[in-house]
Amino acid sequence: MPGATEDFPWGETVAKVNKKVFVFLGVDDGSCPMGLTVKLRDEAAHAHALTTPGAEPAGYGLGKAGWVQIPLEVKGAPGAELIRDWVEESCRTVATRELVAELDAR
């Protein structure tokens, strides 16, 4: 994603744009199942993400703002293309207009 950086707050791997998290990727110490958490404002995408087995609104009140926690090591987990779409949508929610325009130009 244009302008994206990797960071490690709270011991978790995240991707940020404009210093704002757009995807939580979890921890890599094996203590938690592999998954990701994205912010999906589009109602259809949000509802679709929640149909993934084991998916749920994110904790710490983030679910109220559209964040969805999606496990990736379950039968019926979304494929790479759908995950890419959700990560891109999540990025768009925090990116500047200039970065969104750069995404659109791809």
Protein backbone atom coordinates (compact mmCIF):
# COMPACT_ATOMS: atom_id res chain seq x y z
CA MET A 1 0.00 0.00 0.00
CA PRO A 2 1.32 3.47 -0.79
CA GLY A 3 2.83 5.15 2.27
CA ALA A 4 2.41 2.04 4.44
CA THR A 5 4.84 1.19 7.21
CA GLU A 6 5.21 -1.76 9.54
CA ASP A 7 5.17 -1.21 13.30
CA PHE A 8 5.14 -3.36 16.44
CA PRO A 9 3.04 -1.68 19.15
CA TRP A 10 1.83 -3.85 22.03
CA GLY A 11 4.07 -6.67 20.75
CA GLU A 12 1.84 -7.10 17.71
CA THR A 13 2.67 -6.59 14.04
CA VAL A 14 0.58 -3.88 12.39
CA ALA A 15 0.59 -1.93 9.14
CA LYS A 16 0.07 1.82 9.32
CA VAL A 17 -0.51 4.68 6.95
CA ASN A 18 -0.37 8.27 8.23
CA LYS A 19 0.69 6.79 11.59
CA LYS A 20 -2.74 5.11 11.84
CA VAL A 21 -3.17 1.34 11.97
CA PHE A 22 -5.12 -0.16 9.08
CA VAL A 23 -4.43 -3.85 9.72
CA PHE A 24 -3.48 -5.82 12.81
CA LEU A 25 -1.51 -8.93 11.85
CA GLY A 26 -1.09 -10.48 15.27
CA VAL A 27 1.96 -11.79 17.07
CA ASP A 28 4.55 -14.11 15.59
CA ASP A 29 5.43 -16.05 18.74
CA GLY A 30 2.82 -18.74 18.10
CA SER A 31 0.76 -17.76 21.15
CA CYS A 32 -2.29 -16.87 19.05
CA PRO A 33 -3.82 -18.41 15.93
CA MET A 34 -2.89 -16.71 12.66
CA GLY A 35 -5.36 -14.03 11.67
CA LEU A 36 -5.83 -10.37 10.92
CA THR A 37 -8.05 -7.52 11.97
CA VAL A 38 -9.26 -4.93 9.45
CA LYS A 39 -11.61 -1.97 9.46
CA LEU A 40 -14.44 -2.45 6.98
CA ARG A 41 -16.80 0.49 6.64
CA ASP A 42 -18.58 -0.93 3.59
CA GLU A 43 -21.60 -2.73 5.05
CA ALA A 44 -21.54 -5.56 2.51
CA ALA A 45 -17.81 -6.22 3.02
CA HIS A 46 -18.24 -6.03 6.80
CA ALA A 47 -21.13 -8.50 6.76
CA HIS A 48 -19.24 -10.81 4.39
CA ALA A 49 -16.15 -10.79 6.62
CA LEU A 50 -18.29 -11.76 9.61
CA THR A 51 -19.46 -14.89 7.74
CA THR A 52 -15.91 -16.28 7.94
CA PRO A 53 -15.89 -19.13 10.46
CA GLY A 54 -14.68 -17.74 13.78
CA ALA A 55 -14.76 -14.08 12.66
CA GLU A 56 -16.04 -11.56 15.17
CA PRO A 57 -16.11 -7.85 15.86
CA ALA A 58 -12.73 -6.82 17.25
CA GLY A 59 -12.31 -6.42 20.99
CA TYR A 60 -11.51 -3.33 23.05
CA GLY A 61 -14.52 -1.54 21.53
CA LEU A 62 -12.98 -1.54 18.04
CA GLY A 63 -15.81 -3.69 16.69
CA LYS A 64 -18.21 -0.76 17.15
CA ALA A 65 -16.07 1.20 14.68
CA GLY A 66 -16.18 -1.52 12.02
CA TRP A 67 -13.09 -3.56 12.93
CA VAL A 68 -13.41 -7.30 12.25
CA GLN A 69 -11.08 -10.00 13.58
CA ILE A 70 -10.68 -12.75 10.96
CA PRO A 71 -8.99 -16.07 11.73
CA LEU A 72 -6.98 -17.53 8.86
CA GLU A 73 -6.26 -21.06 10.09
CA VAL A 74 -9.82 -22.34 9.96
CA LYS A 75 -11.68 -24.34 7.35
CA GLY A 76 -13.51 -21.85 5.16
CA ALA A 77 -11.00 -19.03 5.75
CA PRO A 78 -11.01 -16.38 3.01
CA GLY A 79 -8.60 -16.66 0.10
CA ALA A 80 -5.66 -14.35 -0.56
CA GLU A 81 -7.52 -12.18 -3.08
CA LEU A 82 -10.39 -11.46 -0.69
CA ILE A 83 -7.96 -10.75 2.15
CA ARG A 84 -6.10 -8.33 -0.14
CA ASP A 85 -9.38 -6.54 -0.93
CA TRP A 86 -10.25 -6.21 2.75
CA VAL A 87 -6.78 -4.94 3.65
CA GLU A 88 -6.97 -2.38 0.84
CA GLU A 89 -10.40 -1.21 1.97
CA SER A 90 -9.11 -0.90 5.52
CA CYS A 91 -6.15 1.13 4.28
CA ARG A 92 -8.48 3.46 2.39
CA THR A 93 -10.34 4.24 5.63
CA VAL A 94 -7.27 5.88 7.19
CA ALA A 95 -5.33 7.05 4.12
CA THR A 96 -5.22 10.61 2.86
CA ARG A 97 -7.00 11.53 -0.38
CA GLU A 98 -3.63 11.62 -2.11
CA LEU A 99 -2.79 8.06 -1.08
CA VAL A 100 -6.27 6.84 -2.05
CA ALA A 101 -5.78 8.47 -5.47
CA GLU A 102 -2.46 6.64 -5.76
CA LEU A 103 -4.25 3.36 -4.96
CA ASP A 104 -6.90 4.14 -7.55
CA ALA A 105 -4.23 4.78 -10.19
CA ARG A 106 -2.84 1.24 -9.83
